[in-house]
C-alpha atoms as a PDB file:
ATOM      1  CA  MET A   1      46.930 181.872  65.857  1.00  0.00           C
ATOM      2  CA  ASN A   2      44.178 182.542  63.319  1.00  0.00           C
ATOM      3  CA  ILE A   3      43.998 179.695  60.808  1.00  0.00           C
ATOM      4  CA  SER A   4      41.481 179.589  57.982  1.00  0.00           C
ATOM      5  CA  PRO A   5      39.570 176.323  57.533  1.00  0.00           C
ATOM      6  CA  HIS A   6      41.019 175.744  54.060  1.00  0.00           C
ATOM      7  CA  LEU A   7      44.482 175.366  55.581  1.00  0.00           C
ATOM      8  CA  LEU A   8      43.449 172.208  57.428  1.00  0.00           C
ATOM      9  CA  THR A   9      43.444 168.960  55.445  1.00  0.00           C
ATOM     10  CA  GLY A  10      42.283 165.585  56.732  1.00  0.00           C
ATOM     11  CA  ILE A  11      43.089 162.289  55.023  1.00  0.00           C
ATOM     12  CA  ASN A  12      41.678 158.857  55.824  1.00  0.00           C
ATOM     13  CA  LEU A  13      44.020 155.916  55.380  1.00  0.00           C
ATOM     14  CA  ILE A  14      43.132 152.330  56.250  1.00  0.00           C
ATOM     15  CA  ARG A  15      41.538 153.011  59.676  1.00  0.00           C
ATOM     16  CA  MET A  16      44.176 155.694  60.259  1.00  0.00           C
ATOM     17  CA  ALA A  17      43.699 159.458  60.350  1.00  0.00           C
ATOM     18  CA  TYR A  18      46.215 161.978  59.024  1.00  0.00           C
ATOM     19  CA  THR A  19      45.700 165.738  59.405  1.00  0.00           C
ATOM     20  CA  ILE A  20      47.837 168.526  57.966  1.00  0.00           C
ATOM     21  CA  ARG A  21      47.883 172.173  58.933  1.00  0.00           C
ATOM     22  CA  GLU A  22      49.828 174.765  56.991  1.00  0.00           C
ATOM     23  CA  PRO A  23      51.891 177.320  58.944  1.00  0.00           C
ATOM     24  CA  GLU A  24      50.963 180.957  59.309  1.00  0.00           C
ATOM     25  CA  ALA A  25      52.703 183.399  56.966  1.00  0.00           C
ATOM     26  CA  ALA A  26      55.363 184.405  59.511  1.00  0.00           C
ATOM     27  CA  LEU A  27      56.672 180.810  59.552  1.00  0.00           C
ATOM     28  CA  ALA A  28      56.282 179.912  55.877  1.00  0.00           C
ATOM     29  CA  ASP A  29      59.979 180.347  55.007  1.00  0.00           C
ATOM     30  CA  PHE A  30      60.929 177.718  57.595  1.00  0.00           C
ATOM     31  CA  VAL A  31      57.965 175.450  58.351  1.00  0.00           C
ATOM     32  CA  GLU A  32      56.313 173.301  55.686  1.00  0.00           C
ATOM     33  CA  ARG A  33      53.489 171.876  57.771  1.00  0.00           C
ATOM     34  CA  PHE A  34      52.211 170.643  61.090  1.00  0.00           C
ATOM     35  CA  TRP A  35      50.699 167.175  61.033  1.00  0.00           C
ATOM     36  CA  THR A  36      49.201 164.435  63.159  1.00  0.00           C
ATOM     37  CA  LEU A  37      48.832 160.707  62.500  1.00  0.00           C
ATOM     38  CA  GLN A  38      46.624 158.424  64.587  1.00  0.00           C
ATOM     39  CA  ASN A  39      46.272 154.642  64.379  1.00  0.00           C
ATOM     40  CA  ASP A  40      42.714 153.712  65.365  1.00  0.00           C
ATOM     41  CA  SER A  41      42.695 150.522  63.299  1.00  0.00           C
ATOM     42  CA  GLY A  42      43.097 148.167  66.265  1.00  0.00           C
ATOM     43  CA  ASN A  43      46.157 146.645  64.593  1.00  0.00           C
ATOM     44  CA  ASP A  44      49.819 147.527  64.333  1.00  0.00           C
ATOM     45  CA  LYS A  45      50.621 149.045  60.936  1.00  0.00           C
ATOM     46  CA  GLU A  46      53.797 148.788  58.900  1.00  0.00           C
ATOM     47  CA  GLN A  47      54.829 152.180  57.550  1.00  0.00           C
ATOM     48  CA  VAL A  48      57.604 152.950  55.095  1.00  0.00           C
ATOM     49  CA  THR A  49      59.113 156.421  55.230  1.00  0.00           C
ATOM     50  CA  ILE A  50      60.750 157.653  52.042  1.00  0.00           C
ATOM     51  CA  PRO A  51      63.063 160.642  51.541  1.00  0.00           C
ATOM     52  CA  ASP A  52      61.203 163.910  50.965  1.00  0.00           C
ATOM     53  CA  GLY A  53      63.801 166.560  51.844  1.00  0.00           C
ATOM     54  CA  ARG A  54      62.112 167.558  55.082  1.00  0.00           C
ATOM     55  CA  ILE A  55      63.384 167.624  58.657  1.00  0.00           C
ATOM     56  CA  ASP A  56      60.854 166.515  61.256  1.00  0.00           C
ATOM     57  CA  ILE A  57      60.432 166.849  64.989  1.00  0.00           C
ATOM     58  CA  ILE A  58      57.971 164.203  66.154  1.00  0.00           C
ATOM     59  CA  PHE A  59      56.012 163.939  69.405  1.00  0.00           C
ATOM     60  CA  SER A  60      54.679 160.422  69.945  1.00  0.00           C
ATOM     61  CA  CYS A  61      52.634 158.517  72.502  1.00  0.00           C
ATOM     62  CA  SER A  62      51.671 154.840  72.332  1.00  0.00           C
ATOM     63  CA  PRO A  63      49.971 152.408  74.722  1.00  0.00           C
ATOM     64  CA  ASN A  64      52.502 150.932  77.149  1.00  0.00           C
ATOM     65  CA  GLU A  65      55.290 153.114  75.730  1.00  0.00           C
ATOM     66  CA  PRO A  66      56.862 156.269  77.204  1.00  0.00           C
ATOM     67  CA  TYR A  67      56.206 159.668  75.648  1.00  0.00           C
ATOM     68  CA  LEU A  68      58.855 160.254  72.978  1.00  0.00           C
ATOM     69  CA  ILE A  69      60.157 163.347  71.197  1.00  0.00           C
ATOM     70  CA  GLY A  70      62.591 162.897  68.328  1.00  0.00           C
ATOM     71  CA  LEU A  71      64.470 164.968  65.759  1.00  0.00           C
ATOM     72  CA  ILE A  72      64.694 163.237  62.392  1.00  0.00           C
ATOM     73  CA  GLY A  73      67.448 164.387  60.051  1.00  0.00           C
ATOM     74  CA  ILE A  74      67.538 164.257  56.273  1.00  0.00           C
ATOM     75  CA  GLU A  75      66.659 160.820  54.924  1.00  0.00           C
ATOM     76  CA  THR A  76      68.376 159.466  51.822  1.00  0.00           C
ATOM     77  CA  ALA A  77      66.925 155.939  51.830  1.00  0.00           C
ATOM     78  CA  PRO A  78      63.599 154.289  52.728  1.00  0.00           C
ATOM     79  CA  SER A  79      63.048 152.999  56.262  1.00  0.00           C
ATOM     80  CA  SER A  80      60.371 150.642  57.587  1.00  0.00           C
ATOM     81  CA  HIS A  81      58.828 150.831  61.047  1.00  0.00           C
ATOM     82  CA  ILE A  82      55.769 149.614  62.936  1.00  0.00           C
ATOM     83  CA  PHE A  83      53.142 152.137  64.016  1.00  0.00           C
ATOM     84  CA  PRO A  84      51.418 150.456  66.991  1.00  0.00           C
ATOM     85  CA  ALA A  85      47.655 150.276  67.412  1.00  0.00           C
ATOM     86  CA  GLY A  86      46.345 153.172  69.473  1.00  0.00           C
ATOM     87  CA  SER A  87      49.364 155.352  68.743  1.00  0.00           C
ATOM     88  CA  LEU A  88      49.209 159.095  68.232  1.00  0.00           C
ATOM     89  CA  MET A  89      51.999 161.080  66.629  1.00  0.00           C
ATOM     90  CA  CYS A  90      52.162 164.826  66.036  1.00  0.00           C
ATOM     91  CA  GLY A  91      54.951 166.571  64.221  1.00  0.00           C
ATOM     92  CA  VAL A  92      56.323 169.632  62.509  1.00  0.00           C
ATOM     93  CA  SER A  93      58.124 169.405  59.167  1.00  0.00           C
ATOM     94  CA  PHE A  94      60.815 171.996  58.513  1.00  0.00           C
ATOM     95  CA  LYS A  95      62.461 173.214  55.354  1.00  0.00           C
ATOM     96  CA  LEU A  96      66.256 173.023  55.394  1.00  0.00           C
ATOM     97  CA  SER A  97      66.417 176.817  55.627  1.00  0.00           C
ATOM     98  CA  ALA A  98      65.101 176.590  59.207  1.00  0.00           C
ATOM     99  CA  VAL A  99      68.039 174.693  60.650  1.00  0.00           C
ATOM    100  CA  GLU A 100      70.506 177.531  60.908  1.00  0.00           C
ATOM    101  CA  TYR A 101      68.065 179.870  62.572  1.00  0.00           C
ATOM    102  CA  LEU A 102      66.596 177.548  65.196  1.00  0.00           C
ATOM    103  CA  PRO A 103      69.270 177.183  67.889  1.00  0.00           C
ATOM    104  CA  ASP A 104      67.973 173.907  69.331  1.00  0.00           C
ATOM    105  CA  ILE A 105      68.273 172.035  66.038  1.00  0.00           C
ATOM    106  CA  ASN A 106      71.473 170.433  64.728  1.00  0.00           C
ATOM    107  CA  ILE A 107      71.138 167.808  62.004  1.00  0.00           C
ATOM    108  CA  SER A 108      74.603 167.634  60.456  1.00  0.00           C
ATOM    109  CA  GLY A 109      75.222 164.204  62.006  1.00  0.00           C
ATOM    110  CA  LEU A 110      71.665 162.898  61.704  1.00  0.00           C
ATOM    111  CA  VAL A 111      71.456 161.606  58.121  1.00  0.00           C
ATOM    112  CA  ASN A 112      69.018 158.662  58.216  1.00  0.00           C
ATOM    113  CA  GLN A 113      68.929 158.860  62.014  1.00  0.00           C
ATOM    114  CA  ILE A 114      66.724 160.087  64.826  1.00  0.00           C
ATOM    115  CA  GLN A 115      67.914 161.949  67.920  1.00  0.00           C
ATOM    116  CA  ILE A 116      65.802 161.475  71.050  1.00  0.00           C
ATOM    117  CA  LEU A 117      65.087 164.839  72.665  1.00  0.00           C
ATOM    118  CA  PRO A 118      64.244 165.684  76.311  1.00  0.00           C
ATOM    119  CA  GLU A 119      60.640 165.122  77.396  1.00  0.00           C
ATOM    120  CA  ASP A 120      60.186 168.829  78.076  1.00  0.00           C
ATOM    121  CA  PHE A 121      61.560 169.894  74.680  1.00  0.00           C
ATOM    122  CA  TRP A 122      59.978 173.195  73.575  1.00  0.00           C
ATOM    123  CA  GLY A 123      57.380 172.845  76.336  1.00  0.00           C
ATOM    124  CA  ILE A 124      55.175 170.374  74.435  1.00  0.00           C
ATOM    125  CA  THR A 125      53.604 167.835  76.787  1.00  0.00           C
ATOM    126  CA  GLU A 126      51.932 164.520  76.047  1.00  0.00           C
ATOM    127  CA  THR A 127      48.593 166.138  76.917  1.00  0.00           C
ATOM    128  CA  ASP A 128      49.072 168.712  74.126  1.00  0.00           C
ATOM    129  CA  LEU A 129      48.930 165.947  71.520  1.00  0.00           C
ATOM    130  CA  SER A 130      45.247 165.336  72.211  1.00  0.00           C
ATOM    131  CA  ASP A 131      44.340 168.807  70.879  1.00  0.00           C
ATOM    132  CA  PHE A 132      45.930 169.480  67.489  1.00  0.00           C
ATOM    133  CA  GLU A 133      44.927 173.154  67.606  1.00  0.00           C
ATOM    134  CA  ILE A 134      46.771 173.707  70.893  1.00  0.00           C
ATOM    135  CA  PHE A 135      49.743 171.698  69.630  1.00  0.00           C
ATOM    136  CA  CYS A 136      50.079 173.928  66.541  1.00  0.00           C
ATOM    137  CA  GLN A 137      49.614 177.131  68.531  1.00  0.00           C
ATOM    138  CA  LYS A 138      52.239 176.272  71.141  1.00  0.00           C
ATOM    139  CA  LEU A 139      54.780 175.144  68.570  1.00  0.00           C
ATOM    140  CA  SER A 140      54.202 178.189  66.360  1.00  0.00           C
ATOM    141  CA  GLU A 141      54.761 180.592  69.233  1.00  0.00           C
ATOM    142  CA  ARG A 142      57.880 178.750  70.364  1.00  0.00           C
ATOM    143  CA  ILE A 143      59.387 178.678  66.867  1.00  0.00           C
ATOM    144  CA  LYS A 144      58.687 182.380  66.300  1.00  0.00           C
ATOM    145  CA  SER A 145      60.364 183.252  69.602  1.00  0.00           C
ATOM    146  CA  MET A 146      63.593 181.523  68.516  1.00  0.00           C
ATOM    147  CA  MET A 147      63.872 182.641  64.914  1.00  0.00           C
ATOM    148  CA  VAL A 148      66.883 184.784  64.093  1.00  0.00           C
ATOM    149  CA  PRO A 149      65.748 187.827  62.096  1.00  0.00           C
ATOM    150  CA  ASP A 150      68.868 188.292  59.958  1.00  0.00           C
ATOM    151  CA  ILE A 151      68.968 185.722  57.175  1.00  0.00           C
ATOM    152  CA  ASP A 152      72.016 185.418  54.934  1.00  0.00           C
ATOM    153  CA  LYS A 153      70.933 186.798  51.556  1.00  0.00           C
ATOM    154  CA  ARG A 154      72.769 184.188  49.461  1.00  0.00           C
ATOM    155  CA  LYS A 155      71.370 181.301  51.482  1.00  0.00           C
ATOM    156  CA  LYS A 156      67.859 182.741  51.233  1.00  0.00           C
ATOM    157  CA  GLN A 157      68.208 183.030  47.441  1.00  0.00           C
ATOM    158  CA  LEU A 158      69.676 179.539  47.208  1.00  0.00           C
ATOM    159  CA  PHE A 159      66.769 177.902  49.016  1.00  0.00           C
ATOM    160  CA  GLU A 160      64.185 179.942  47.116  1.00  0.00           C
ATOM    161  CA  LEU A 161      65.647 178.728  43.804  1.00  0.00           C
ATOM    162  CA  VAL A 162      66.102 175.120  44.891  1.00  0.00           C
ATOM    163  CA  TYR A 163      62.531 174.816  46.199  1.00  0.00           C
ATOM    164  CA  SER A 164      60.850 176.775  43.395  1.00  0.00           C
ATOM    165  CA  THR A 165      62.551 174.662  40.708  1.00  0.00           C
ATOM    166  CA  LYS A 166      61.970 171.435  42.680  1.00  0.00           C
ATOM    167  CA  GLY A 167      65.648 170.564  42.487  1.00  0.00           C
ATOM    168  CA  SER A 168      65.835 170.737  38.702  1.00  0.00           C
ATOM    169  CA  MET A 169      68.387 173.578  38.409  1.00  0.00           C
ATOM    170  CA  SER A 170      72.020 172.548  38.066  1.00  0.00           C
ATOM    171  CA  ILE A 171      74.540 173.427  40.783  1.00  0.00           C
ATOM    172  CA  LYS A 172      76.433 175.517  38.232  1.00  0.00           C
ATOM    173  CA  ASP A 173      73.349 177.576  37.374  1.00  0.00           C
ATOM    174  CA  LEU A 174      72.460 178.016  41.037  1.00  0.00           C
ATOM    175  CA  SER A 175      75.989 179.185  41.756  1.00  0.00           C
ATOM    176  CA  GLU A 176      75.905 181.763  38.958  1.00  0.00           C
ATOM    177  CA  LYS A 177      72.457 183.053  39.944  1.00  0.00           C
ATOM    178  CA  ILE A 178      73.449 183.879  43.518  1.00  0.00           C
ATOM    179  CA  SER A 179      77.170 184.635  43.003  1.00  0.00           C
ATOM    180  CA  TRP A 180      78.291 181.918  45.403  1.00  0.00           C
ATOM    181  CA  SER A 181      80.826 179.319  44.261  1.00  0.00           C
ATOM    182  CA  SER A 182      79.758 175.695  43.825  1.00  0.00           C
ATOM    183  CA  ARG A 183      82.560 174.605  46.109  1.00  0.00           C
ATOM    184  CA  GLN A 184      81.394 176.916  48.919  1.00  0.00           C
ATOM    185  CA  ILE A 185      77.770 175.851  48.480  1.00  0.00           C
ATOM    186  CA  ASN A 186      78.657 172.177  48.730  1.00  0.00           C
ATOM    187  CA  ARG A 187      80.864 172.782  51.774  1.00  0.00           C
ATOM    188  CA  TYR A 188      77.967 174.600  53.431  1.00  0.00           C
ATOM    189  CA  PHE A 189      75.525 171.788  52.653  1.00  0.00           C
ATOM    190  CA  ASN A 190      77.806 169.013  53.851  1.00  0.00           C
ATOM    191  CA  GLN A 191      78.718 170.829  57.075  1.00  0.00           C
ATOM    192  CA  GLN A 192      75.202 171.993  57.890  1.00  0.00           C
ATOM    193  CA  PHE A 193      73.035 169.084  56.675  1.00  0.00           C
ATOM    194  CA  GLY A 194      75.373 166.135  56.173  1.00  0.00           C
ATOM    195  CA  ILE A 195      74.603 165.722  52.449  1.00  0.00           C
ATOM    196  CA  SER A 196      75.580 167.397  49.193  1.00  0.00           C
ATOM    197  CA  LEU A 197      73.327 169.898  47.429  1.00  0.00           C
ATOM    198  CA  LYS A 198      73.273 167.532  44.435  1.00  0.00           C
ATOM    199  CA  LEU A 199      71.765 164.752  46.542  1.00  0.00           C
ATOM    200  CA  PHE A 200      69.239 167.139  48.090  1.00  0.00           C
ATOM    201  CA  CYS A 201      68.155 168.255  44.606  1.00  0.00           C
ATOM    202  CA  SER A 202      67.727 164.602  43.611  1.00  0.00           C
ATOM    203  CA  ILE A 203      65.459 164.081  46.631  1.00  0.00           C
ATOM    204  CA  LEU A 204      63.367 167.131  45.708  1.00  0.00           C
ATOM    205  CA  ARG A 205      62.976 165.876  42.112  1.00  0.00           C
ATOM    206  CA  PHE A 206      61.922 162.505  43.487  1.00  0.00           C
ATOM    207  CA  ARG A 207      59.373 164.142  45.784  1.00  0.00           C
ATOM    208  CA  ALA A 208      58.043 166.265  42.926  1.00  0.00           C
ATOM    209  CA  SER A 209      57.337 163.071  40.972  1.00  0.00           C
ATOM    210  CA  PHE A 210      54.879 161.773  43.628  1.00  0.00           C
ATOM    211  CA  PRO A 211      51.754 163.354  42.049  1.00  0.00           C
ATOM    212  CA  HIS A 212      52.619 161.961  38.607  1.00  0.00           C
ATOM    213  CA  ILE A 213      53.233 158.476  39.958  1.00  0.00           C
ATOM    214  CA  LYS A 214      50.081 158.563  42.090  1.00  0.00           C
ATOM    215  CA  GLU A 215      48.068 159.296  38.933  1.00  0.00           C
ATOM    216  CA  GLY A 216      49.700 156.356  37.149  1.00  0.00           C
ATOM    217  CA  ARG A 217      52.000 158.435  34.937  1.00  0.00           C
ATOM    218  CA  LEU A 218      55.044 156.222  35.374  1.00  0.00           C
ATOM    219  CA  TYR A 219      57.505 158.166  33.253  1.00  0.00           C
ATOM    220  CA  PRO A 220      59.813 161.116  33.943  1.00  0.00           C
ATOM    221  CA  GLU A 221      58.280 164.602  33.827  1.00  0.00           C
ATOM    222  CA  LEU A 222      61.132 166.496  35.442  1.00  0.00           C
ATOM    223  CA  ASN A 223      64.881 166.690  34.968  1.00  0.00           C
ATOM    224  CA  PHE A 224      65.665 162.986  34.542  1.00  0.00           C
ATOM    225  CA  ALA A 225      67.926 161.848  31.688  1.00  0.00           C
ATOM    226  CA  ASP A 226      65.553 159.128  30.479  1.00  0.00           C
ATOM    227  CA  GLN A 227      63.120 156.435  31.648  1.00  0.00           C
ATOM    228  CA  ALA A 228      65.910 154.209  32.953  1.00  0.00           C
ATOM    229  CA  HIS A 229      67.334 157.075  35.025  1.00  0.00           C
ATOM    230  CA  PHE A 230      63.871 157.845  36.411  1.00  0.00           C
ATOM    231  CA  ILE A 231      63.243 154.224  37.447  1.00  0.00           C
ATOM    232  CA  ARG A 232      66.710 153.955  38.971  1.00  0.00           C
ATOM    233  CA  GLU A 233      66.274 157.128  41.048  1.00  0.00           C
ATOM    234  CA  VAL A 234      62.804 156.143  42.272  1.00  0.00           C
ATOM    235  CA  LYS A 235      64.024 152.674  43.249  1.00  0.00           C
ATOM    236  CA  LYS A 236      67.104 154.082  45.017  1.00  0.00           C
ATOM    237  CA  LEU A 237      65.046 156.484  47.136  1.00  0.00           C
ATOM    238  CA  SER A 238      61.892 154.419  47.731  1.00  0.00           C
ATOM    239  CA  GLY A 239      63.223 150.859  47.510  1.00  0.00           C
ATOM    240  CA  VAL A 240      60.629 149.963  44.846  1.00  0.00           C
ATOM    241  CA  THR A 241      59.888 150.673  41.194  1.00  0.00           C
ATOM    242  CA  PRO A 242      57.496 153.475  40.158  1.00  0.00           C
ATOM    243  CA  LYS A 243      54.872 150.803  39.402  1.00  0.00           C
ATOM    244  CA  GLU A 244      55.103 149.337  42.916  1.00  0.00           C
ATOM    245  CA  LEU A 245      55.010 152.810  44.450  1.00  0.00           C
ATOM    246  CA  PHE A 246      51.883 153.578  42.418  1.00  0.00           C
ATOM    247  CA  LYS A 247      50.148 150.474  43.822  1.00  0.00           C
ATOM    248  CA  ASN A 248      51.139 151.450  47.397  1.00  0.00           C
ATOM    249  CA  GLN A 249      49.538 148.374  48.913  1.00  0.00           C
ATOM    250  CA  ASN A 250      47.999 148.886  52.375  1.00  0.00           C
ATOM    251  CA  ASP A 251      49.059 152.553  52.388  1.00  0.00           C
ATOM    252  CA  ARG A 252      52.567 151.456  53.346  1.00  0.00           C
ATOM    253  CA  PHE A 253      54.289 154.556  51.979  1.00  0.00           C
ATOM    254  CA  VAL A 254      52.986 157.171  54.363  1.00  0.00           C
ATOM    255  CA  GLN A 255      54.107 160.343  52.523  1.00  0.00           C
ATOM    256  CA  PHE A 256      52.682 158.949  49.273  1.00  0.00           C
ATOM    257  CA  SER A 257      49.366 158.062  50.913  1.00  0.00           C
ATOM    258  CA  THR A 258      49.040 161.488  52.504  1.00  0.00           C
ATOM    259  CA  LEU A 259      49.967 163.418  49.385  1.00  0.00           C
ATOM    260  CA  THR A 260      48.297 166.794  49.010  1.00  0.00           C
ATOM    261  CA  ASP A 261      48.679 169.574  46.458  1.00  0.00           C
ATOM    262  CA  GLU A 262      51.842 171.561  47.123  1.00  0.00           C
END
């Protein structure tokens, strides 16, 4: 896999290293990024994960802990966990459009949950985690080998519109644009992903507000009714107010700390 240097981004947290690699063009409709997070601080770190509309498969190794592979479904609320000292975690973040076309992935019952996968899942070993280049290459080849070539045209259009508008288009307008009834769209979302399209759009709007909040612009810039609605949505999805999220003490909110231009 040929990857240009500008597609690799490294971010230093508080004695923690986070690296992002964008997917090659053949995977761009399904994969958002490959990433790795390493805790070299010498201390356990509290991390808060907040909803971002992604589906992740994580590969994790920690001192005195068994090698773990997990599938994380859509998250609709913040969750706190401890990232032990000396831990290394690699992962791949998928767009929702990937789920239907990757036969090993089923997330309809995994809202705010993780499913532990077999240790030999997709052929990624614990040793592969020590070389991020190899990790990305092996995963990319495996994903490409499983992808179904025929993509439903309406679903493709739906996801293109939802992602390009960052969740700001109404369900009614989406339905009219792709000639697919709102009722059918919502049935598809609930059956396939375990949440409504309306909730997913709210999560995407929340995620799109990260850059504004990180710069200290603590007011709505997307499709929020008013300031009160903006604060309420941010607090519902992150557990804190926009002001507290902006402060992000000790890099607790990992997606916020590792924010890059999208």
